Amino acid sequence: MSQTEPDRRATWRDDLDALQFGVPGEGSLCLVHRLAFRALLPSAPAEGLSRQACLEFFFRESRHFEAAAKSKVTRLGLAPGHNLHLNSRDIRRAIAGDVSDGLPKACRVLTG
């Protein structure tokens, strides 16, 4: 699938001003509000972030969105089919590689 070809699993929900996509293997729907995209795309025009810009970012980074969603499902212990939303922090963790096997990496406290 090319980056310009629409992802059949992702749609824009005008009623919620959010992107909706299916979480593979979970039977869940995940929402990402436009404000989360605003935090992820700070160089977007000041007059507002377009729906198209949000969709294009999702298409480029869909594997990270899916990893973030799976991580949140695991972290919260959500039942299959339970819907969820992602915030910009969830997505940033996935882009930075701070999730593995669906769980966020643990933080070690160094002493002395």
PDB file of N, CA and C in Angstrom:
ATOM      1  N   MET A   1       0.857  -1.178   0.000  1.00  0.00           N
ATOM      2  CA  MET A   1       0.000   0.000   0.000  1.00  0.00           C
ATOM      3  C   MET A   1       0.898   1.233   0.000  1.00  0.00           C
ATOM      4  N   SER A   2       0.628   2.159  -0.869  1.00  0.00           N
ATOM      5  CA  SER A   2       1.411   3.395  -0.910  1.00  0.00           C
ATOM      6  C   SER A   2       0.962   4.336   0.203  1.00  0.00           C
ATOM      7  N   GLN A   3       1.787   5.336   0.490  1.00  0.00           N
ATOM      8  CA  GLN A   3       1.450   6.274   1.556  1.00  0.00           C
ATOM      9  C   GLN A   3       0.234   7.123   1.216  1.00  0.00           C
ATOM     10  N   THR A   4      -0.078   7.267  -0.059  1.00  0.00           N
ATOM     11  CA  THR A   4      -1.222   8.078  -0.447  1.00  0.00           C
ATOM     12  C   THR A   4      -2.504   7.259  -0.537  1.00  0.00           C
ATOM     13  N   GLU A   5      -2.369   5.924  -0.588  1.00  0.00           N
ATOM     14  CA  GLU A   5      -3.549   5.068  -0.656  1.00  0.00           C
ATOM     15  C   GLU A   5      -4.204   5.001   0.730  1.00  0.00           C
ATOM     16  N   PRO A   6      -5.505   5.163   0.793  1.00  0.00           N
ATOM     17  CA  PRO A   6      -6.149   5.173   2.108  1.00  0.00           C
ATOM     18  C   PRO A   6      -6.047   3.825   2.814  1.00  0.00           C
ATOM     19  N   ASP A   7      -5.826   3.861   4.083  1.00  0.00           N
ATOM     20  CA  ASP A   7      -5.800   2.678   4.929  1.00  0.00           C
ATOM     21  C   ASP A   7      -7.247   2.363   5.284  1.00  0.00           C
ATOM     22  N   ARG A   8      -7.730   1.209   4.872  1.00  0.00           N
ATOM     23  CA  ARG A   8      -9.137   0.856   5.072  1.00  0.00           C
ATOM     24  C   ARG A   8      -9.489   0.722   6.552  1.00  0.00           C
ATOM     25  N   ARG A   9      -8.487   0.553   7.400  1.00  0.00           N
ATOM     26  CA  ARG A   9      -8.754   0.415   8.829  1.00  0.00           C
ATOM     27  C   ARG A   9      -8.861   1.768   9.513  1.00  0.00           C
ATOM     28  N   ALA A  10      -8.478   2.844   8.863  1.00  0.00           N
ATOM     29  CA  ALA A  10      -8.472   4.165   9.495  1.00  0.00           C
ATOM     30  C   ALA A  10      -9.502   5.082   8.836  1.00  0.00           C
ATOM     31  N   THR A  11     -10.259   5.777   9.685  1.00  0.00           N
ATOM     32  CA  THR A  11     -11.223   6.753   9.191  1.00  0.00           C
ATOM     33  C   THR A  11     -11.194   7.972  10.103  1.00  0.00           C
ATOM     34  N   TRP A  12     -11.664   9.063   9.575  1.00  0.00           N
ATOM     35  CA  TRP A  12     -11.776  10.283  10.388  1.00  0.00           C
ATOM     36  C   TRP A  12     -13.212  10.408  10.852  1.00  0.00           C
ATOM     37  N   ARG A  13     -13.393  10.616  12.156  1.00  0.00           N
ATOM     38  CA  ARG A  13     -14.716  10.790  12.740  1.00  0.00           C
ATOM     39  C   ARG A  13     -14.950  12.281  12.967  1.00  0.00           C
ATOM     40  N   ASP A  14     -15.715  12.898  12.068  1.00  0.00           N
ATOM     41  CA  ASP A  14     -16.015  14.328  12.205  1.00  0.00           C
ATOM     42  C   ASP A  14     -16.779  14.626  13.491  1.00  0.00           C
ATOM     43  N   ASP A  15     -17.651  13.699  13.909  1.00  0.00           N
ATOM     44  CA  ASP A  15     -18.442  13.926  15.113  1.00  0.00           C
ATOM     45  C   ASP A  15     -17.580  13.989  16.379  1.00  0.00           C
ATOM     46  N   LEU A  16     -16.408  13.354  16.351  1.00  0.00           N
ATOM     47  CA  LEU A  16     -15.499  13.351  17.497  1.00  0.00           C
ATOM     48  C   LEU A  16     -14.225  14.150  17.255  1.00  0.00           C
ATOM     49  N   ASP A  17     -14.048  14.612  16.014  1.00  0.00           N
ATOM     50  CA  ASP A  17     -12.826  15.313  15.603  1.00  0.00           C
ATOM     51  C   ASP A  17     -11.603  14.454  15.931  1.00  0.00           C
ATOM     52  N   ALA A  18     -11.690  13.179  15.510  1.00  0.00           N
ATOM     53  CA  ALA A  18     -10.649  12.209  15.858  1.00  0.00           C
ATOM     54  C   ALA A  18     -10.498  11.162  14.760  1.00  0.00           C
ATOM     55  N   LEU A  19      -9.309  10.578  14.719  1.00  0.00           N
ATOM     56  CA  LEU A  19      -9.033   9.455  13.850  1.00  0.00           C
ATOM     57  C   LEU A  19      -9.438   8.184  14.580  1.00  0.00           C
ATOM     58  N   GLN A  20     -10.022   7.244  13.853  1.00  0.00           N
ATOM     59  CA  GLN A  20     -10.414   5.956  14.421  1.00  0.00           C
ATOM     60  C   GLN A  20      -9.744   4.863  13.611  1.00  0.00           C
ATOM     61  N   PHE A  21      -9.138   3.884  14.295  1.00  0.00           N
ATOM     62  CA  PHE A  21      -8.558   2.744  13.595  1.00  0.00           C
ATOM     63  C   PHE A  21      -8.757   1.480  14.422  1.00  0.00           C
ATOM     64  N   GLY A  22      -8.749   0.361  13.725  1.00  0.00           N
ATOM     65  CA  GLY A  22      -8.887  -0.931  14.388  1.00  0.00           C
ATOM     66  C   GLY A  22      -7.537  -1.402  14.886  1.00  0.00           C
ATOM     67  N   VAL A  23      -7.518  -1.958  16.088  1.00  0.00           N
ATOM     68  CA  VAL A  23      -6.278  -2.479  16.667  1.00  0.00           C
ATOM     69  C   VAL A  23      -6.151  -3.936  16.229  1.00  0.00           C
ATOM     70  N   PRO A  24      -5.145  -4.249  15.396  1.00  0.00           N
ATOM     71  CA  PRO A  24      -4.993  -5.615  14.886  1.00  0.00           C
ATOM     72  C   PRO A  24      -4.901  -6.653  16.003  1.00  0.00           C
ATOM     73  N   GLY A  25      -5.684  -7.717  15.853  1.00  0.00           N
ATOM     74  CA  GLY A  25      -5.645  -8.813  16.799  1.00  0.00           C
ATOM     75  C   GLY A  25      -6.377  -8.571  18.105  1.00  0.00           C
ATOM     76  N   GLU A  26      -6.982  -7.408  18.283  1.00  0.00           N
ATOM     77  CA  GLU A  26      -7.648  -7.080  19.546  1.00  0.00           C
ATOM     78  C   GLU A  26      -9.163  -6.958  19.413  1.00  0.00           C
ATOM     79  N   GLY A  27      -9.658  -6.750  18.189  1.00  0.00           N
ATOM     80  CA  GLY A  27     -11.083  -6.534  18.009  1.00  0.00           C
ATOM     81  C   GLY A  27     -11.547  -5.232  18.632  1.00  0.00           C
ATOM     82  N   SER A  28     -10.625  -4.303  18.812  1.00  0.00           N
ATOM     83  CA  SER A  28     -10.907  -3.017  19.461  1.00  0.00           C
ATOM     84  C   SER A  28     -10.795  -1.884  18.462  1.00  0.00           C
ATOM     85  N   LEU A  29     -11.488  -0.800  18.770  1.00  0.00           N
ATOM     86  CA  LEU A  29     -11.331   0.432  18.015  1.00  0.00           C
ATOM     87  C   LEU A  29     -10.568   1.414  18.881  1.00  0.00           C
ATOM     88  N   CYS A  30      -9.715   2.189  18.244  1.00  0.00           N
ATOM     89  CA  CYS A  30      -8.897   3.160  18.956  1.00  0.00           C
ATOM     90  C   CYS A  30      -9.137   4.538  18.346  1.00  0.00           C
ATOM     91  N   LEU A  31      -9.267   5.544  19.207  1.00  0.00           N
ATOM     92  CA  LEU A  31      -9.458   6.928  18.772  1.00  0.00           C
ATOM     93  C   LEU A  31      -8.239   7.760  19.147  1.00  0.00           C
ATOM     94  N   VAL A  32      -7.897   8.682  18.254  1.00  0.00           N
ATOM     95  CA  VAL A  32      -6.834   9.654  18.513  1.00  0.00           C
ATOM     96  C   VAL A  32      -7.392  11.024  18.135  1.00  0.00           C
ATOM     97  N   HIS A  33      -7.584  11.871  19.125  1.00  0.00           N
ATOM     98  CA  HIS A  33      -8.174  13.191  18.910  1.00  0.00           C
ATOM     99  C   HIS A  33      -7.210  14.107  18.160  1.00  0.00           C
ATOM    100  N   ARG A  34      -7.758  15.064  17.441  1.00  0.00           N
ATOM    101  CA  ARG A  34      -6.949  16.020  16.689  1.00  0.00           C
ATOM    102  C   ARG A  34      -5.934  16.739  17.592  1.00  0.00           C
ATOM    103  N   LEU A  35      -6.288  16.999  18.846  1.00  0.00           N
ATOM    104  CA  LEU A  35      -5.360  17.675  19.756  1.00  0.00           C
ATOM    105  C   LEU A  35      -4.113  16.848  20.033  1.00  0.00           C
ATOM    106  N   ALA A  36      -4.241  15.521  20.008  1.00  0.00           N
ATOM    107  CA  ALA A  36      -3.055  14.667  20.158  1.00  0.00           C
ATOM    108  C   ALA A  36      -2.133  14.854  18.955  1.00  0.00           C
ATOM    109  N   PHE A  37      -2.715  14.932  17.765  1.00  0.00           N
ATOM    110  CA  PHE A  37      -1.912  15.171  16.564  1.00  0.00           C
ATOM    111  C   PHE A  37      -1.251  16.549  16.637  1.00  0.00           C
ATOM    112  N   ARG A  38      -1.960  17.506  17.211  1.00  0.00           N
ATOM    113  CA  ARG A  38      -1.408  18.861  17.347  1.00  0.00           C
ATOM    114  C   ARG A  38      -0.119  18.826  18.153  1.00  0.00           C
ATOM    115  N   ALA A  39      -0.103  18.034  19.219  1.00  0.00           N
ATOM    116  CA  ALA A  39       1.099  17.901  20.052  1.00  0.00           C
ATOM    117  C   ALA A  39       2.208  17.146  19.313  1.00  0.00           C
ATOM    118  N   LEU A  40       1.829  16.227  18.427  1.00  0.00           N
ATOM    119  CA  LEU A  40       2.817  15.432  17.692  1.00  0.00           C
ATOM    120  C   LEU A  40       3.371  16.156  16.475  1.00  0.00           C
ATOM    121  N   LEU A  41       2.625  17.131  15.975  1.00  0.00           N
ATOM    122  CA  LEU A  41       3.021  17.873  14.775  1.00  0.00           C
ATOM    123  C   LEU A  41       3.066  19.370  15.072  1.00  0.00           C
ATOM    124  N   PRO A  42       4.000  19.803  15.917  1.00  0.00           N
ATOM    125  CA  PRO A  42       4.023  21.209  16.336  1.00  0.00           C
ATOM    126  C   PRO A  42       4.333  22.196  15.209  1.00  0.00           C
ATOM    127  N   SER A  43       4.897  21.715  14.112  1.00  0.00           N
ATOM    128  CA  SER A  43       5.226  22.629  13.016  1.00  0.00           C
ATOM    129  C   SER A  43       4.054  22.848  12.064  1.00  0.00           C
ATOM    130  N   ALA A  44       2.893  22.302  12.398  1.00  0.00           N
ATOM    131  CA  ALA A  44       1.704  22.492  11.565  1.00  0.00           C
ATOM    132  C   ALA A  44       1.298  23.961  11.580  1.00  0.00           C
ATOM    133  N   PRO A  45       0.572  24.402  10.564  1.00  0.00           N
ATOM    134  CA  PRO A  45       0.151  25.811  10.489  1.00  0.00           C
ATOM    135  C   PRO A  45      -0.610  26.259  11.734  1.00  0.00           C
ATOM    136  N   ALA A  46      -0.390  27.482  12.135  1.00  0.00           N
ATOM    137  CA  ALA A  46      -1.010  28.036  13.338  1.00  0.00           C
ATOM    138  C   ALA A  46      -2.533  28.070  13.237  1.00  0.00           C
ATOM    139  N   GLU A  47      -3.075  28.178  12.021  1.00  0.00           N
ATOM    140  CA  GLU A  47      -4.531  28.266  11.866  1.00  0.00           C
ATOM    141  C   GLU A  47      -5.230  26.933  12.096  1.00  0.00           C
ATOM    142  N   GLY A  48      -4.479  25.897  12.288  1.00  0.00           N
ATOM    143  CA  GLY A  48      -5.105  24.620  12.607  1.00  0.00           C
ATOM    144  C   GLY A  48      -4.493  23.470  11.842  1.00  0.00           C
ATOM    145  N   LEU A  49      -4.648  22.326  12.397  1.00  0.00           N
ATOM    146  CA  LEU A  49      -4.122  21.104  11.813  1.00  0.00           C
ATOM    147  C   LEU A  49      -5.238  20.451  11.001  1.00  0.00           C
ATOM    148  N   SER A  50      -4.993  20.233   9.731  1.00  0.00           N
ATOM    149  CA  SER A  50      -6.033  19.669   8.870  1.00  0.00           C
ATOM    150  C   SER A  50      -6.230  18.177   9.133  1.00  0.00           C
ATOM    151  N   ARG A  51      -7.416  17.729   8.810  1.00  0.00           N
ATOM    152  CA  ARG A  51      -7.725  16.306   8.903  1.00  0.00           C
ATOM    153  C   ARG A  51      -6.761  15.523   8.020  1.00  0.00           C
ATOM    154  N   GLN A  52      -6.472  16.056   6.837  1.00  0.00           N
ATOM    155  CA  GLN A  52      -5.571  15.376   5.901  1.00  0.00           C
ATOM    156  C   GLN A  52      -4.172  15.220   6.489  1.00  0.00           C
ATOM    157  N   ALA A  53      -3.662  16.244   7.172  1.00  0.00           N
ATOM    158  CA  ALA A  53      -2.335  16.159   7.791  1.00  0.00           C
ATOM    159  C   ALA A  53      -2.314  15.082   8.868  1.00  0.00           C
ATOM    160  N   CYS A  54      -3.397  14.972   9.624  1.00  0.00           N
ATOM    161  CA  CYS A  54      -3.498  13.937  10.663  1.00  0.00           C
ATOM    162  C   CYS A  54      -3.492  12.546  10.034  1.00  0.00           C
ATOM    163  N   LEU A  55      -4.294  12.375   8.989  1.00  0.00           N
ATOM    164  CA  LEU A  55      -4.357  11.084   8.302  1.00  0.00           C
ATOM    165  C   LEU A  55      -3.011  10.711   7.687  1.00  0.00           C
ATOM    166  N   GLU A  56      -2.348  11.654   7.057  1.00  0.00           N
ATOM    167  CA  GLU A  56      -1.041  11.375   6.449  1.00  0.00           C
ATOM    168  C   GLU A  56      -0.022  10.959   7.504  1.00  0.00           C
ATOM    169  N   PHE A  57      -0.034  11.628   8.648  1.00  0.00           N
ATOM    170  CA  PHE A  57       0.879  11.259   9.730  1.00  0.00           C
ATOM    171  C   PHE A  57       0.562   9.842  10.219  1.00  0.00           C
ATOM    172  N   PHE A  58      -0.715   9.535  10.373  1.00  0.00           N
ATOM    173  CA  PHE A  58      -1.094   8.174  10.779  1.00  0.00           C
ATOM    174  C   PHE A  58      -0.591   7.151   9.769  1.00  0.00           C
ATOM    175  N   PHE A  59      -0.799   7.394   8.477  1.00  0.00           N
ATOM    176  CA  PHE A  59      -0.376   6.436   7.456  1.00  0.00           C
ATOM    177  C   PHE A  59       1.129   6.211   7.505  1.00  0.00           C
ATOM    178  N   ARG A  60       1.900   7.275   7.706  1.00  0.00           N
ATOM    179  CA  ARG A  60       3.370   7.150   7.798  1.00  0.00           C
ATOM    180  C   ARG A  60       3.802   6.384   9.039  1.00  0.00           C
ATOM    181  N   GLU A  61       3.089   6.581  10.114  1.00  0.00           N
ATOM    182  CA  GLU A  61       3.500   6.036  11.413  1.00  0.00           C
ATOM    183  C   GLU A  61       2.547   4.973  11.949  1.00  0.00           C
ATOM    184  N   SER A  62       1.776   4.329  11.091  1.00  0.00           N
ATOM    185  CA  SER A  62       0.725   3.413  11.559  1.00  0.00           C
ATOM    186  C   SER A  62       1.270   2.301  12.445  1.00  0.00           C
ATOM    187  N   ARG A  63       2.465   1.809  12.170  1.00  0.00           N
ATOM    188  CA  ARG A  63       3.008   0.739  13.015  1.00  0.00           C
ATOM    189  C   ARG A  63       3.228   1.229  14.447  1.00  0.00           C
ATOM    190  N   HIS A  64       3.569   2.516  14.601  1.00  0.00           N
ATOM    191  CA  HIS A  64       3.755   3.075  15.940  1.00  0.00           C
ATOM    192  C   HIS A  64       2.412   3.284  16.650  1.00  0.00           C
ATOM    193  N   PHE A  65       1.415   3.705  15.908  1.00  0.00           N
ATOM    194  CA  PHE A  65       0.077   3.857  16.487  1.00  0.00           C
ATOM    195  C   PHE A  65      -0.441   2.499  16.955  1.00  0.00           C
ATOM    196  N   GLU A  66      -0.242   1.470  16.131  1.00  0.00           N
ATOM    197  CA  GLU A  66      -0.687   0.127  16.505  1.00  0.00           C
ATOM    198  C   GLU A  66       0.081  -0.386  17.723  1.00  0.00           C
ATOM    199  N   ALA A  67       1.400  -0.144  17.769  1.00  0.00           N
ATOM    200  CA  ALA A  67       2.198  -0.568  18.924  1.00  0.00           C
ATOM    201  C   ALA A  67       1.747   0.155  20.184  1.00  0.00           C
ATOM    202  N   ALA A  68       1.451   1.440  20.065  1.00  0.00           N
ATOM    203  CA  ALA A  68       0.974   2.211  21.219  1.00  0.00           C
ATOM    204  C   ALA A  68      -0.359   1.672  21.712  1.00  0.00           C
ATOM    205  N   ALA A  69      -1.246   1.345  20.777  1.00  0.00           N
ATOM    206  CA  ALA A  69      -2.558   0.817  21.160  1.00  0.00           C
ATOM    207  C   ALA A  69      -2.422  -0.544  21.837  1.00  0.00           C
ATOM    208  N   LYS A  70      -1.614  -1.418  21.271  1.00  0.00           N
ATOM    209  CA  LYS A  70      -1.423  -2.744  21.875  1.00  0.00           C
ATOM    210  C   LYS A  70      -0.786  -2.621  23.250  1.00  0.00           C
ATOM    211  N   SER A  71       0.145  -1.709  23.395  1.00  0.00           N
ATOM    212  CA  SER A  71       0.786  -1.486  24.690  1.00  0.00           C
ATOM    213  C   SER A  71      -0.235  -1.030  25.727  1.00  0.00           C
ATOM    214  N   LYS A  72      -1.117  -0.116  25.322  1.00  0.00           N
ATOM    215  CA  LYS A  72      -2.126   0.395  26.252  1.00  0.00           C
ATOM    216  C   LYS A  72      -3.127  -0.695  26.629  1.00  0.00           C
ATOM    217  N   VAL A  73      -3.511  -1.518  25.672  1.00  0.00           N
ATOM    218  CA  VAL A  73      -4.416  -2.634  25.951  1.00  0.00           C
ATOM    219  C   VAL A  73      -3.789  -3.549  27.002  1.00  0.00           C
ATOM    220  N   THR A  74      -2.509  -3.884  26.808  1.00  0.00           N
ATOM    221  CA  THR A  74      -1.805  -4.767  27.739  1.00  0.00           C
ATOM    222  C   THR A  74      -1.625  -4.104  29.097  1.00  0.00           C
ATOM    223  N   ARG A  75      -1.169  -2.868  29.080  1.00  0.00           N
ATOM    224  CA  ARG A  75      -0.891  -2.143  30.325  1.00  0.00           C
ATOM    225  C   ARG A  75      -2.139  -1.991  31.191  1.00  0.00           C
ATOM    226  N   LEU A  76      -3.289  -1.735  30.549  1.00  0.00           N
ATOM    227  CA  LEU A  76      -4.535  -1.537  31.287  1.00  0.00           C
ATOM    228  C   LEU A  76      -5.323  -2.834  31.483  1.00  0.00           C
ATOM    229  N   GLY A  77      -4.847  -3.912  30.857  1.00  0.00           N
ATOM    230  CA  GLY A  77      -5.534  -5.190  30.981  1.00  0.00           C
ATOM    231  C   GLY A  77      -6.925  -5.174  30.379  1.00  0.00           C
ATOM    232  N   LEU A  78      -7.063  -4.496  29.239  1.00  0.00           N
ATOM    233  CA  LEU A  78      -8.381  -4.375  28.609  1.00  0.00           C
ATOM    234  C   LEU A  78      -8.806  -5.685  27.959  1.00  0.00           C
ATOM    235  N   ALA A  79     -10.065  -6.008  28.077  1.00  0.00           N
ATOM    236  CA  ALA A  79     -10.634  -7.211  27.465  1.00  0.00           C
ATOM    237  C   ALA A  79     -10.702  -7.023  25.953  1.00  0.00           C
ATOM    238  N   PRO A  80     -10.619  -8.124  25.188  1.00  0.00           N
ATOM    239  CA  PRO A  80     -10.771  -8.020  23.734  1.00  0.00           C
ATOM    240  C   PRO A  80     -12.072  -7.304  23.381  1.00  0.00           C
ATOM    241  N   GLY A  81     -11.995  -6.428  22.394  1.00  0.00           N
ATOM    242  CA  GLY A  81     -13.165  -5.676  21.949  1.00  0.00           C
ATOM    243  C   GLY A  81     -13.419  -4.404  22.722  1.00  0.00           C
ATOM    244  N   HIS A  82     -12.645  -4.156  23.772  1.00  0.00           N
ATOM    245  CA  HIS A  82     -12.813  -2.935  24.565  1.00  0.00           C
ATOM    246  C   HIS A  82     -12.138  -1.777  23.823  1.00  0.00           C
ATOM    247  N   ASN A  83     -12.875  -0.732  23.546  1.00  0.00           N
ATOM    248  CA  ASN A  83     -12.341   0.407  22.804  1.00  0.00           C
ATOM    249  C   ASN A  83     -11.495   1.301  23.706  1.00  0.00           C
ATOM    250  N   LEU A  84     -10.594   2.072  23.087  1.00  0.00           N
ATOM    251  CA  LEU A  84      -9.678   2.912  23.850  1.00  0.00           C
ATOM    252  C   LEU A  84      -9.303   4.150  23.047  1.00  0.00           C
ATOM    253  N   HIS A  85      -8.589   5.058  23.694  1.00  0.00           N
ATOM    254  CA  HIS A  85      -8.051   6.210  22.985  1.00  0.00           C
ATOM    255  C   HIS A  85      -6.569   6.331  23.331  1.00  0.00           C
ATOM    256  N   LEU A  86      -5.845   6.947  22.418  1.00  0.00           N
ATOM    257  CA  LEU A  86      -4.425   7.227  22.629  1.00  0.00           C
ATOM    258  C   LEU A  86      -4.236   8.716  22.771  1.00  0.00           C
ATOM    259  N   ASN A  87      -3.299   9.103  23.621  1.00  0.00           N
ATOM    260  CA  ASN A  87      -2.908  10.506  23.690  1.00  0.00           C
ATOM    261  C   ASN A  87      -1.526  10.646  23.061  1.00  0.00           C
ATOM    262  N   SER A  88      -1.041  11.853  22.953  1.00  0.00           N
ATOM    263  CA  SER A  88       0.241  12.081  22.292  1.00  0.00           C
ATOM    264  C   SER A  88       1.375  11.388  23.033  1.00  0.00           C
ATOM    265  N   ARG A  89       1.287  11.293  24.350  1.00  0.00           N
ATOM    266  CA  ARG A  89       2.342  10.628  25.137  1.00  0.00           C
ATOM    267  C   ARG A  89       2.435   9.145  24.768  1.00  0.00           C
ATOM    268  N   ASP A  90       1.293   8.482  24.623  1.00  0.00           N
ATOM    269  CA  ASP A  90       1.278   7.065  24.223  1.00  0.00           C
ATOM    270  C   ASP A  90       1.989   6.880  22.886  1.00  0.00           C
ATOM    271  N   ILE A  91       1.699   7.755  21.947  1.00  0.00           N
ATOM    272  CA  ILE A  91       2.256   7.636  20.598  1.00  0.00           C
ATOM    273  C   ILE A  91       3.740   7.996  20.597  1.00  0.00           C
ATOM    274  N   ARG A  92       4.122   9.019  21.336  1.00  0.00           N
ATOM    275  CA  ARG A  92       5.543   9.384  21.428  1.00  0.00           C
ATOM    276  C   ARG A  92       6.373   8.243  21.991  1.00  0.00           C
ATOM    277  N   ARG A  93       5.852   7.552  23.020  1.00  0.00           N
ATOM    278  CA  ARG A  93       6.568   6.395  23.590  1.00  0.00           C
ATOM    279  C   ARG A  93       6.823   5.348  22.514  1.00  0.00           C
ATOM    280  N   ALA A  94       5.815   5.061  21.707  1.00  0.00           N
ATOM    281  CA  ALA A  94       5.959   4.048  20.666  1.00  0.00           C
ATOM    282  C   ALA A  94       6.952   4.492  19.598  1.00  0.00           C
ATOM    283  N   ILE A  95       6.908   5.749  19.194  1.00  0.00           N
ATOM    284  CA  ILE A  95       7.837   6.257  18.185  1.00  0.00           C
ATOM    285  C   ILE A  95       9.272   6.200  18.704  1.00  0.00           C
ATOM    286  N   ALA A  96       9.447   6.483  19.999  1.00  0.00           N
ATOM    287  CA  ALA A  96      10.776   6.455  20.609  1.00  0.00           C
ATOM    288  C   ALA A  96      11.251   5.031  20.895  1.00  0.00           C
ATOM    289  N   GLY A  97      10.382   4.048  20.692  1.00  0.00           N
ATOM    290  CA  GLY A  97      10.761   2.663  20.944  1.00  0.00           C
ATOM    291  C   GLY A  97      10.652   2.281  22.405  1.00  0.00           C
ATOM    292  N   ASP A  98       9.866   3.030  23.175  1.00  0.00           N
ATOM    293  CA  ASP A  98       9.725   2.764  24.603  1.00  0.00           C
ATOM    294  C   ASP A  98       8.622   1.765  24.921  1.00  0.00           C
ATOM    295  N   VAL A  99       8.253   0.954  23.946  1.00  0.00           N
ATOM    296  CA  VAL A  99       7.321  -0.141  24.199  1.00  0.00           C
ATOM    297  C   VAL A  99       7.935  -1.389  23.574  1.00  0.00           C
ATOM    298  N   SER A 100       7.809  -2.488  24.270  1.00  0.00           N
ATOM    299  CA  SER A 100       8.257  -3.757  23.716  1.00  0.00           C
ATOM    300  C   SER A 100       7.300  -4.826  24.200  1.00  0.00           C
ATOM    301  N   ASP A 101       6.919  -5.695  23.303  1.00  0.00           N
ATOM    302  CA  ASP A 101       5.951  -6.739  23.624  1.00  0.00           C
ATOM    303  C   ASP A 101       4.698  -6.172  24.264  1.00  0.00           C
ATOM    304  N   GLY A 102       4.332  -4.948  23.874  1.00  0.00           N
ATOM    305  CA  GLY A 102       3.118  -4.355  24.384  1.00  0.00           C
ATOM    306  C   GLY A 102       3.263  -3.667  25.723  1.00  0.00           C
ATOM    307  N   LEU A 103       4.442  -3.729  26.340  1.00  0.00           N
ATOM    308  CA  LEU A 103       4.635  -3.103  27.644  1.00  0.00           C
ATOM    309  C   LEU A 103       5.653  -1.980  27.546  1.00  0.00           C
ATOM    310  N   PRO A 104       5.441  -0.892  28.280  1.00  0.00           N
ATOM    311  CA  PRO A 104       6.446   0.163  28.279  1.00  0.00           C
ATOM    312  C   PRO A 104       7.711  -0.341  28.956  1.00  0.00           C
ATOM    313  N   LYS A 105       8.845   0.175  28.531  1.00  0.00           N
ATOM    314  CA  LYS A 105      10.104  -0.203  29.153  1.00  0.00           C
ATOM    315  C   LYS A 105      10.127   0.267  30.590  1.00  0.00           C
ATOM    316  N   ALA A 106      10.744  -0.514  31.434  1.00  0.00           N
ATOM    317  CA  ALA A 106      10.844  -0.156  32.838  1.00  0.00           C
ATOM    318  C   ALA A 106      11.954   0.879  33.029  1.00  0.00           C
ATOM    319  N   CYS A 107      11.779   1.699  34.009  1.00  0.00           N
ATOM    320  CA  CYS A 107      12.761   2.709  34.344  1.00  0.00           C
ATOM    321  C   CYS A 107      13.544   2.235  35.571  1.00  0.00           C
ATOM    322  N   ARG A 108      14.866   2.268  35.493  1.00  0.00           N
ATOM    323  CA  ARG A 108      15.681   1.885  36.637  1.00  0.00           C
ATOM    324  C   ARG A 108      16.138   3.131  37.370  1.00  0.00           C
ATOM    325  N   VAL A 109      16.121   3.058  38.669  1.00  0.00           N
ATOM    326  CA  VAL A 109      16.615   4.166  39.493  1.00  0.00           C
ATOM    327  C   VAL A 109      18.047   3.822  39.887  1.00  0.00           C
ATOM    328  N   LEU A 110      18.961   4.706  39.510  1.00  0.00           N
ATOM    329  CA  LEU A 110      20.380   4.496  39.828  1.00  0.00           C
ATOM    330  C   LEU A 110      20.687   5.181  41.141  1.00  0.00           C
ATOM    331  N   THR A 111      21.411   4.515  41.977  1.00  0.00           N
ATOM    332  CA  THR A 111      21.780   5.102  43.264  1.00  0.00           C
ATOM    333  C   THR A 111      23.286   5.224  43.345  1.00  0.00           C
ATOM    334  N   GLY A 112      23.705   6.153  44.207  1.00  0.00           N
ATOM    335  CA  GLY A 112      25.115   6.351  44.551  1.00  0.00           C
ATOM    336  C   GLY A 112      25.948   6.664  43.440  1.00  0.00           C
TER     337      GLY A 112
END
